[in-house]
Amino acid sequence: MAHSASSSTMEFKNEKGVFCHSKELAKIVQAWANDNPGHRFYTCRGRKVNHGYESCKFFRWYDVEKPQGWQHLALLEARDTIRGQKEEIRYLKEAMKAMTHDGEKQLEIPVSEVEELKNCREECESLKRQVLILSERSRVFRNVLISSSVGFVVVLGVMVSMGK
């Protein structure tokens, strides 16, 4: 049977109460073999014996009909997509694990880029200082303008009151 190596570990609830030859409640597993994609079957859960599990090799189809036509093809495509995604996830996890182990090592940055970064940092600090100086000058000029305007109004008021 094609289900042994290609079955999923995904289990479904056994609501019909089907028992295996060992008088245990059978588990329902989904097959992903080319012949039976998505086709569910009952199998023995196995029972603990000494240091392992023993199974009675019980097998019975849960689904009466096999998927046919477009359903069969769609299930095969979905299975292949899932397998590809699992493989990609495994690869990404390994790459991430390798990066975290290599994270203790310092990244080697070319000297020219380090110098360029230093120059940019210095230029940025210089520009910050110039902005502070210009904003202080602007504040002083604004205060002088306000004082001059107030002084002009006071002088004008005095001249008007003298002219009367």
N, C-alpha and C. Protein backbone atom coordinates (compact mmCIF):
# COMPACT_ATOMS: atom_id res chain seq x y z
N MET A 1 0.84 -1.19 0.00
CA MET A 1 0.00 0.00 0.00
C MET A 1 0.87 1.24 0.00
N ALA A 2 0.40 2.27 -0.68
CA ALA A 2 1.19 3.48 -0.85
C ALA A 2 1.13 4.41 0.34
N HIS A 3 0.28 4.15 1.31
CA HIS A 3 0.08 5.09 2.41
C HIS A 3 1.19 5.07 3.46
N SER A 4 1.96 4.02 3.56
CA SER A 4 2.89 3.87 4.68
C SER A 4 3.95 4.97 4.72
N ALA A 5 4.61 5.27 3.62
CA ALA A 5 5.69 6.25 3.63
C ALA A 5 5.19 7.66 3.35
N SER A 6 4.01 7.80 2.81
CA SER A 6 3.55 9.12 2.38
C SER A 6 2.36 9.62 3.17
N SER A 7 2.09 9.04 4.34
CA SER A 7 0.94 9.52 5.10
C SER A 7 1.34 10.69 5.97
N SER A 8 0.37 11.49 6.27
CA SER A 8 0.57 12.67 7.10
C SER A 8 0.46 12.29 8.56
N THR A 9 1.02 13.10 9.43
CA THR A 9 0.85 12.89 10.86
C THR A 9 -0.39 13.60 11.36
N MET A 10 -1.06 14.30 10.47
CA MET A 10 -2.27 15.04 10.84
C MET A 10 -3.36 14.04 11.19
N GLU A 11 -3.89 14.15 12.42
CA GLU A 11 -4.93 13.23 12.85
C GLU A 11 -6.27 13.93 12.91
N PHE A 12 -7.31 13.14 12.74
CA PHE A 12 -8.68 13.63 12.82
C PHE A 12 -9.38 12.88 13.95
N LYS A 13 -10.42 13.45 14.50
CA LYS A 13 -11.15 12.83 15.59
C LYS A 13 -11.95 11.64 15.08
N ASN A 14 -11.82 10.53 15.75
CA ASN A 14 -12.53 9.30 15.39
C ASN A 14 -13.91 9.35 16.04
N GLU A 15 -14.89 9.95 15.33
CA GLU A 15 -16.24 10.10 15.87
C GLU A 15 -17.09 8.84 15.68
N LYS A 16 -16.69 7.95 14.78
CA LYS A 16 -17.48 6.75 14.50
C LYS A 16 -17.15 5.62 15.47
N GLY A 17 -16.10 5.81 16.28
CA GLY A 17 -15.74 4.79 17.26
C GLY A 17 -15.22 3.50 16.65
N VAL A 18 -14.39 3.62 15.62
CA VAL A 18 -13.82 2.43 14.98
C VAL A 18 -12.62 1.98 15.81
N PHE A 19 -12.56 0.66 16.09
CA PHE A 19 -11.48 0.10 16.89
C PHE A 19 -10.59 -0.78 16.02
N CYS A 20 -9.31 -0.84 16.37
CA CYS A 20 -8.37 -1.68 15.63
C CYS A 20 -8.43 -3.11 16.19
N HIS A 21 -7.58 -4.00 15.68
CA HIS A 21 -7.56 -5.39 16.12
C HIS A 21 -7.12 -5.53 17.58
N SER A 22 -6.44 -4.50 18.10
CA SER A 22 -5.98 -4.51 19.50
C SER A 22 -7.03 -3.98 20.45
N LYS A 23 -8.22 -3.72 19.93
CA LYS A 23 -9.35 -3.18 20.71
C LYS A 23 -9.07 -1.76 21.22
N GLU A 24 -8.23 -1.04 20.51
CA GLU A 24 -7.94 0.37 20.82
C GLU A 24 -8.68 1.23 19.80
N LEU A 25 -9.01 2.45 20.19
CA LEU A 25 -9.66 3.38 19.26
C LEU A 25 -8.67 3.71 18.14
N ALA A 26 -9.05 3.44 16.89
CA ALA A 26 -8.16 3.68 15.75
C ALA A 26 -8.01 5.18 15.50
N LYS A 27 -6.85 5.57 14.99
CA LYS A 27 -6.65 6.97 14.63
C LYS A 27 -6.91 7.13 13.14
N ILE A 28 -7.28 8.35 12.75
CA ILE A 28 -7.55 8.65 11.34
C ILE A 28 -6.39 9.50 10.83
N VAL A 29 -5.79 9.03 9.75
CA VAL A 29 -4.63 9.71 9.16
C VAL A 29 -4.94 10.01 7.70
N GLN A 30 -4.32 11.06 7.18
CA GLN A 30 -4.56 11.46 5.79
C GLN A 30 -3.38 11.03 4.92
N ALA A 31 -3.69 10.34 3.83
CA ALA A 31 -2.66 9.88 2.90
C ALA A 31 -2.28 10.99 1.92
N TRP A 32 -0.99 11.04 1.55
CA TRP A 32 -0.55 12.02 0.55
C TRP A 32 0.24 11.35 -0.57
N ALA A 33 0.03 10.06 -0.75
CA ALA A 33 0.66 9.34 -1.86
C ALA A 33 0.04 9.81 -3.17
N ASN A 34 0.72 9.61 -4.28
CA ASN A 34 0.20 10.04 -5.59
C ASN A 34 -1.14 9.40 -5.91
N ASP A 35 -1.32 8.16 -5.49
CA ASP A 35 -2.57 7.45 -5.79
C ASP A 35 -3.74 7.95 -4.94
N ASN A 36 -3.47 8.40 -3.72
CA ASN A 36 -4.54 8.73 -2.77
C ASN A 36 -4.32 10.07 -2.06
N PRO A 37 -4.12 11.15 -2.76
CA PRO A 37 -3.88 12.41 -2.04
C PRO A 37 -5.13 12.87 -1.30
N GLY A 38 -4.95 13.17 -0.02
CA GLY A 38 -6.06 13.65 0.78
C GLY A 38 -7.02 12.58 1.25
N HIS A 39 -6.80 11.34 0.86
CA HIS A 39 -7.68 10.22 1.22
C HIS A 39 -7.35 9.79 2.65
N ARG A 40 -8.36 9.77 3.53
CA ARG A 40 -8.14 9.44 4.94
C ARG A 40 -8.36 7.95 5.19
N PHE A 41 -7.65 7.45 6.21
CA PHE A 41 -7.79 6.03 6.57
C PHE A 41 -7.62 5.84 8.07
N TYR A 42 -8.18 4.73 8.57
CA TYR A 42 -8.00 4.33 9.96
C TYR A 42 -6.74 3.49 10.06
N THR A 43 -6.04 3.64 11.17
CA THR A 43 -4.88 2.81 11.44
C THR A 43 -4.73 2.66 12.95
N CYS A 44 -3.95 1.69 13.36
CA CYS A 44 -3.74 1.42 14.78
C CYS A 44 -2.85 2.52 15.38
N ARG A 45 -3.24 2.98 16.56
CA ARG A 45 -2.42 3.97 17.29
C ARG A 45 -1.14 3.32 17.80
N GLY A 46 -1.20 2.07 18.02
CA GLY A 46 -0.08 1.36 18.64
C GLY A 46 -0.21 1.43 20.14
N ARG A 47 0.40 0.48 20.79
CA ARG A 47 0.36 0.49 22.25
C ARG A 47 1.79 0.34 22.75
N LYS A 48 2.03 0.93 23.90
CA LYS A 48 3.38 0.93 24.45
C LYS A 48 3.73 -0.47 24.95
N VAL A 49 4.84 -0.98 24.47
CA VAL A 49 5.33 -2.29 24.89
C VAL A 49 6.81 -2.12 25.22
N ASN A 50 7.18 -2.38 26.45
CA ASN A 50 8.56 -2.20 26.92
C ASN A 50 9.06 -0.80 26.58
N HIS A 51 10.02 -0.68 25.68
CA HIS A 51 10.62 0.62 25.35
C HIS A 51 10.17 1.15 23.99
N GLY A 52 9.09 0.65 23.44
CA GLY A 52 8.64 1.11 22.14
C GLY A 52 7.13 0.96 21.99
N TYR A 53 6.69 1.03 20.76
CA TYR A 53 5.27 0.88 20.46
C TYR A 53 5.09 -0.32 19.54
N GLU A 54 3.95 -0.97 19.69
CA GLU A 54 3.62 -2.12 18.87
C GLU A 54 2.28 -1.84 18.19
N SER A 55 2.19 -2.12 16.92
CA SER A 55 0.97 -1.86 16.16
C SER A 55 0.42 -3.18 15.64
N CYS A 56 -0.91 -3.24 15.52
CA CYS A 56 -1.53 -4.45 14.99
C CYS A 56 -1.70 -4.40 13.47
N LYS A 57 -1.19 -3.34 12.84
CA LYS A 57 -1.22 -3.17 11.38
C LYS A 57 -2.64 -3.02 10.83
N PHE A 58 -3.56 -2.53 11.68
CA PHE A 58 -4.95 -2.33 11.25
C PHE A 58 -4.99 -1.25 10.17
N PHE A 59 -5.82 -1.47 9.13
CA PHE A 59 -5.99 -0.49 8.06
C PHE A 59 -7.39 -0.61 7.49
N ARG A 60 -8.07 0.54 7.37
CA ARG A 60 -9.38 0.59 6.70
C ARG A 60 -9.57 2.01 6.21
N TRP A 61 -10.07 2.16 5.00
CA TRP A 61 -10.32 3.50 4.46
C TRP A 61 -11.43 4.19 5.23
N TYR A 62 -11.24 5.43 5.55
CA TYR A 62 -12.26 6.27 6.20
C TYR A 62 -13.17 6.86 5.14
N ASP A 63 -12.55 7.44 4.10
CA ASP A 63 -13.31 8.04 2.99
C ASP A 63 -13.71 6.92 2.03
N VAL A 64 -14.98 6.93 1.64
CA VAL A 64 -15.48 5.89 0.76
C VAL A 64 -14.91 6.04 -0.64
N GLU A 65 -14.90 7.27 -1.14
CA GLU A 65 -14.45 7.50 -2.51
C GLU A 65 -13.09 8.19 -2.52
N LYS A 66 -12.31 7.81 -3.53
CA LYS A 66 -11.04 8.48 -3.76
C LYS A 66 -11.32 9.79 -4.50
N PRO A 67 -10.48 10.80 -4.33
CA PRO A 67 -10.65 12.01 -5.12
C PRO A 67 -10.39 11.70 -6.60
N GLN A 68 -11.21 12.29 -7.47
CA GLN A 68 -11.11 12.02 -8.91
C GLN A 68 -10.93 13.34 -9.66
N GLY A 69 -10.40 13.25 -10.86
CA GLY A 69 -10.33 14.38 -11.78
C GLY A 69 -9.61 15.59 -11.21
N TRP A 70 -10.28 16.74 -11.29
CA TRP A 70 -9.66 17.99 -10.87
C TRP A 70 -9.35 18.01 -9.38
N GLN A 71 -10.17 17.30 -8.57
CA GLN A 71 -9.91 17.24 -7.13
C GLN A 71 -8.59 16.54 -6.86
N HIS A 72 -8.37 15.44 -7.58
CA HIS A 72 -7.15 14.68 -7.44
C HIS A 72 -5.94 15.55 -7.80
N LEU A 73 -6.04 16.25 -8.92
CA LEU A 73 -4.95 17.13 -9.36
C LEU A 73 -4.72 18.29 -8.39
N ALA A 74 -5.82 18.88 -7.90
CA ALA A 74 -5.70 20.00 -6.97
C ALA A 74 -5.03 19.55 -5.68
N LEU A 75 -5.38 18.36 -5.18
CA LEU A 75 -4.76 17.86 -3.97
C LEU A 75 -3.27 17.58 -4.17
N LEU A 76 -2.91 17.04 -5.34
CA LEU A 76 -1.49 16.80 -5.63
C LEU A 76 -0.72 18.11 -5.70
N GLU A 77 -1.31 19.11 -6.35
CA GLU A 77 -0.65 20.42 -6.43
C GLU A 77 -0.50 21.04 -5.04
N ALA A 78 -1.55 20.94 -4.23
CA ALA A 78 -1.48 21.48 -2.87
C ALA A 78 -0.41 20.76 -2.06
N ARG A 79 -0.35 19.44 -2.19
CA ARG A 79 0.67 18.67 -1.48
C ARG A 79 2.07 19.11 -1.88
N ASP A 80 2.30 19.27 -3.19
CA ASP A 80 3.61 19.69 -3.68
C ASP A 80 3.96 21.10 -3.21
N THR A 81 2.96 21.99 -3.19
CA THR A 81 3.18 23.35 -2.71
C THR A 81 3.56 23.34 -1.23
N ILE A 82 2.83 22.56 -0.46
CA ILE A 82 3.11 22.46 0.98
C ILE A 82 4.50 21.90 1.21
N ARG A 83 4.87 20.87 0.48
CA ARG A 83 6.21 20.29 0.63
C ARG A 83 7.28 21.32 0.27
N GLY A 84 7.05 22.08 -0.80
CA GLY A 84 8.01 23.11 -1.19
C GLY A 84 8.15 24.18 -0.11
N GLN A 85 7.02 24.58 0.46
CA GLN A 85 7.05 25.59 1.51
C GLN A 85 7.73 25.07 2.77
N LYS A 86 7.49 23.80 3.10
CA LYS A 86 8.17 23.21 4.25
C LYS A 86 9.68 23.18 4.03
N GLU A 87 10.08 22.85 2.81
CA GLU A 87 11.50 22.81 2.48
C GLU A 87 12.11 24.22 2.58
N GLU A 88 11.40 25.22 2.08
CA GLU A 88 11.87 26.59 2.16
C GLU A 88 11.98 27.06 3.61
N ILE A 89 11.00 26.71 4.42
CA ILE A 89 11.03 27.07 5.84
C ILE A 89 12.24 26.41 6.52
N ARG A 90 12.47 25.14 6.21
CA ARG A 90 13.62 24.43 6.78
C ARG A 90 14.92 25.12 6.38
N TYR A 91 15.03 25.49 5.10
CA TYR A 91 16.23 26.17 4.61
C TYR A 91 16.42 27.52 5.31
N LEU A 92 15.34 28.30 5.45
CA LEU A 92 15.42 29.61 6.09
C LEU A 92 15.78 29.48 7.57
N LYS A 93 15.24 28.46 8.23
CA LYS A 93 15.59 28.24 9.64
C LYS A 93 17.07 27.91 9.78
N GLU A 94 17.58 27.07 8.88
CA GLU A 94 19.01 26.73 8.92
C GLU A 94 19.87 27.96 8.65
N ALA A 95 19.45 28.79 7.69
CA ALA A 95 20.20 30.00 7.38
C ALA A 95 20.18 30.96 8.56
N MET A 96 19.03 31.08 9.20
CA MET A 96 18.91 31.97 10.35
C MET A 96 19.77 31.44 11.51
N LYS A 97 19.76 30.13 11.69
CA LYS A 97 20.58 29.53 12.74
C LYS A 97 22.06 29.77 12.47
N ALA A 98 22.46 29.62 11.21
CA ALA A 98 23.86 29.87 10.85
C ALA A 98 24.23 31.33 11.06
N MET A 99 23.29 32.22 10.76
CA MET A 99 23.57 33.66 10.94
C MET A 99 23.71 34.00 12.42
N THR A 100 22.91 33.37 13.27
CA THR A 100 23.01 33.68 14.70
C THR A 100 24.30 33.12 15.28
N HIS A 101 24.75 31.97 14.76
CA HIS A 101 26.04 31.45 15.22
C HIS A 101 27.19 32.30 14.72
N ASP A 102 27.06 32.82 13.51
CA ASP A 102 28.09 33.69 12.95
C ASP A 102 27.97 35.11 13.48
N GLY A 103 26.87 35.40 14.18
CA GLY A 103 26.64 36.75 14.68
C GLY A 103 27.69 37.19 15.68
N GLU A 104 28.35 36.21 16.32
CA GLU A 104 29.40 36.56 17.27
C GLU A 104 30.60 37.15 16.55
N LYS A 105 30.80 36.77 15.32
CA LYS A 105 31.90 37.31 14.53
C LYS A 105 31.48 38.68 14.00
N GLN A 106 32.40 39.60 13.98
CA GLN A 106 32.10 40.93 13.48
C GLN A 106 32.07 40.92 11.96
N LEU A 107 31.15 41.68 11.41
CA LEU A 107 31.10 41.81 9.96
C LEU A 107 32.31 42.62 9.50
N GLU A 108 32.89 42.20 8.42
CA GLU A 108 34.04 42.94 7.89
C GLU A 108 33.53 43.97 6.89
N ILE A 109 33.72 45.25 7.26
CA ILE A 109 33.30 46.34 6.39
C ILE A 109 34.57 46.93 5.79
N PRO A 110 34.58 47.16 4.48
CA PRO A 110 35.77 47.73 3.85
C PRO A 110 36.15 49.07 4.49
N VAL A 111 37.47 49.33 4.55
CA VAL A 111 37.99 50.55 5.18
C VAL A 111 37.44 51.79 4.52
N SER A 112 37.30 51.78 3.20
CA SER A 112 36.79 52.95 2.49
C SER A 112 35.37 53.30 2.96
N GLU A 113 34.55 52.28 3.19
CA GLU A 113 33.18 52.54 3.66
C GLU A 113 33.18 53.06 5.10
N VAL A 114 34.10 52.55 5.92
CA VAL A 114 34.21 53.03 7.29
C VAL A 114 34.59 54.50 7.30
N GLU A 115 35.57 54.86 6.47
CA GLU A 115 36.00 56.26 6.39
C GLU A 115 34.86 57.15 5.89
N GLU A 116 34.12 56.67 4.90
CA GLU A 116 33.00 57.43 4.37
C GLU A 116 31.93 57.64 5.45
N LEU A 117 31.67 56.60 6.25
CA LEU A 117 30.72 56.73 7.35
C LEU A 117 31.19 57.75 8.38
N LYS A 118 32.48 57.74 8.70
CA LYS A 118 33.04 58.72 9.64
C LYS A 118 32.88 60.13 9.11
N ASN A 119 33.19 60.31 7.84
CA ASN A 119 33.06 61.64 7.21
C ASN A 119 31.61 62.11 7.24
N CYS A 120 30.69 61.23 6.93
CA CYS A 120 29.27 61.59 6.95
C CYS A 120 28.82 61.96 8.36
N ARG A 121 29.30 61.21 9.33
CA ARG A 121 28.94 61.49 10.72
C ARG A 121 29.47 62.86 11.14
N GLU A 122 30.72 63.16 10.78
CA GLU A 122 31.32 64.47 11.11
C GLU A 122 30.56 65.60 10.42
N GLU A 123 30.21 65.41 9.16
CA GLU A 123 29.47 66.42 8.42
C GLU A 123 28.10 66.65 9.05
N CYS A 124 27.48 65.58 9.48
CA CYS A 124 26.17 65.69 10.13
C CYS A 124 26.29 66.48 11.44
N GLU A 125 27.29 66.21 12.23
CA GLU A 125 27.50 66.93 13.48
C GLU A 125 27.78 68.41 13.21
N SER A 126 28.55 68.69 12.17
CA SER A 126 28.85 70.08 11.80
C SER A 126 27.58 70.82 11.40
N LEU A 127 26.75 70.15 10.63
CA LEU A 127 25.48 70.77 10.21
C LEU A 127 24.56 71.01 11.40
N LYS A 128 24.55 70.10 12.35
CA LYS A 128 23.74 70.30 13.55
C LYS A 128 24.21 71.54 14.31
N ARG A 129 25.52 71.72 14.44
CA ARG A 129 26.06 72.90 15.13
C ARG A 129 25.66 74.18 14.39
N GLN A 130 25.76 74.17 13.07
CA GLN A 130 25.40 75.36 12.28
C GLN A 130 23.92 75.69 12.44
N VAL A 131 23.07 74.68 12.49
CA VAL A 131 21.63 74.91 12.68
C VAL A 131 21.38 75.56 14.03
N LEU A 132 22.06 75.09 15.07
CA LEU A 132 21.91 75.68 16.40
C LEU A 132 22.35 77.15 16.41
N ILE A 133 23.48 77.44 15.77
CA ILE A 133 24.00 78.82 15.70
C ILE A 133 23.01 79.71 14.96
N LEU A 134 22.51 79.24 13.81
CA LEU A 134 21.58 80.05 13.01
C LEU A 134 20.25 80.27 13.73
N SER A 135 19.77 79.27 14.44
CA SER A 135 18.52 79.47 15.17
C SER A 135 18.72 80.46 16.32
N GLU A 136 19.88 80.47 16.96
CA GLU A 136 20.18 81.46 18.01
C GLU A 136 20.26 82.86 17.41
N ARG A 137 20.93 83.00 16.27
CA ARG A 137 21.02 84.31 15.60
C ARG A 137 19.63 84.79 15.21
N SER A 138 18.80 83.90 14.72
CA SER A 138 17.44 84.27 14.32
C SER A 138 16.67 84.79 15.53
N ARG A 139 16.83 84.14 16.66
CA ARG A 139 16.16 84.56 17.89
C ARG A 139 16.63 85.97 18.29
N VAL A 140 17.94 86.22 18.21
CA VAL A 140 18.49 87.54 18.57
C VAL A 140 17.95 88.61 17.62
N PHE A 141 17.97 88.35 16.32
CA PHE A 141 17.47 89.33 15.35
C PHE A 141 15.98 89.62 15.57
N ARG A 142 15.23 88.58 15.88
CA ARG A 142 13.80 88.77 16.14
C ARG A 142 13.60 89.67 17.36
N ASN A 143 14.38 89.43 18.40
CA ASN A 143 14.27 90.26 19.61
C ASN A 143 14.66 91.71 19.32
N VAL A 144 15.72 91.93 18.51
CA VAL A 144 16.14 93.29 18.15
C VAL A 144 15.04 93.97 17.35
N LEU A 145 14.44 93.25 16.41
CA LEU A 145 13.38 93.82 15.59
C LEU A 145 12.19 94.23 16.45
N ILE A 146 11.81 93.35 17.38
CA ILE A 146 10.69 93.66 18.26
C ILE A 146 11.02 94.88 19.13
N SER A 147 12.24 94.89 19.67
CA SER A 147 12.64 96.03 20.52
C SER A 147 12.66 97.32 19.71
N SER A 148 13.17 97.25 18.48
CA SER A 148 13.23 98.44 17.63
C SER A 148 11.82 98.92 17.31
N SER A 149 10.92 97.99 17.02
CA SER A 149 9.54 98.36 16.70
C SER A 149 8.88 99.03 17.90
N VAL A 150 9.09 98.46 19.07
CA VAL A 150 8.50 99.03 20.28
C VAL A 150 9.11 100.41 20.54
N GLY A 151 10.41 100.54 20.38
CA GLY A 151 11.08 101.84 20.57
C GLY A 151 10.58 102.87 19.59
N PHE A 152 10.38 102.47 18.33
CA PHE A 152 9.88 103.39 17.31
C PHE A 152 8.49 103.89 17.67
N VAL A 153 7.64 102.94 18.14
CA VAL A 153 6.28 103.31 18.52
C VAL A 153 6.32 104.27 19.71
N VAL A 154 7.19 104.04 20.67
CA VAL A 154 7.28 104.91 21.84
C VAL A 154 7.75 106.29 21.42
N VAL A 155 8.80 106.38 20.59
CA VAL A 155 9.31 107.68 20.11
C VAL A 155 8.25 108.37 19.33
N LEU A 156 7.55 107.68 18.45
CA LEU A 156 6.49 108.28 17.64
C LEU A 156 5.38 108.82 18.55
N GLY A 157 5.03 108.05 19.62
CA GLY A 157 4.00 108.47 20.56
C GLY A 157 4.42 109.73 21.31
N VAL A 158 5.69 109.80 21.70
CA VAL A 158 6.19 110.99 22.40
C VAL A 158 6.14 112.19 21.48
N MET A 159 6.54 112.01 20.21
CA MET A 159 6.56 113.14 19.25
C MET A 159 5.14 113.61 18.97
N VAL A 160 4.20 112.72 18.86
CA VAL A 160 2.83 113.09 18.60
C VAL A 160 2.27 113.86 19.81
N SER A 161 2.59 113.36 21.02
CA SER A 161 2.07 114.05 22.21
C SER A 161 2.73 115.42 22.42
N MET A 162 3.95 115.65 21.98
CA MET A 162 4.61 116.93 22.08
C MET A 162 4.03 117.91 21.05
N GLY A 163 3.62 117.36 19.94
CA GLY A 163 3.10 118.22 18.88
C GLY A 163 1.72 118.76 19.21
N LYS A 164 1.09 118.32 20.17
CA LYS A 164 -0.25 118.79 20.49
C LYS A 164 -0.21 119.98 21.32
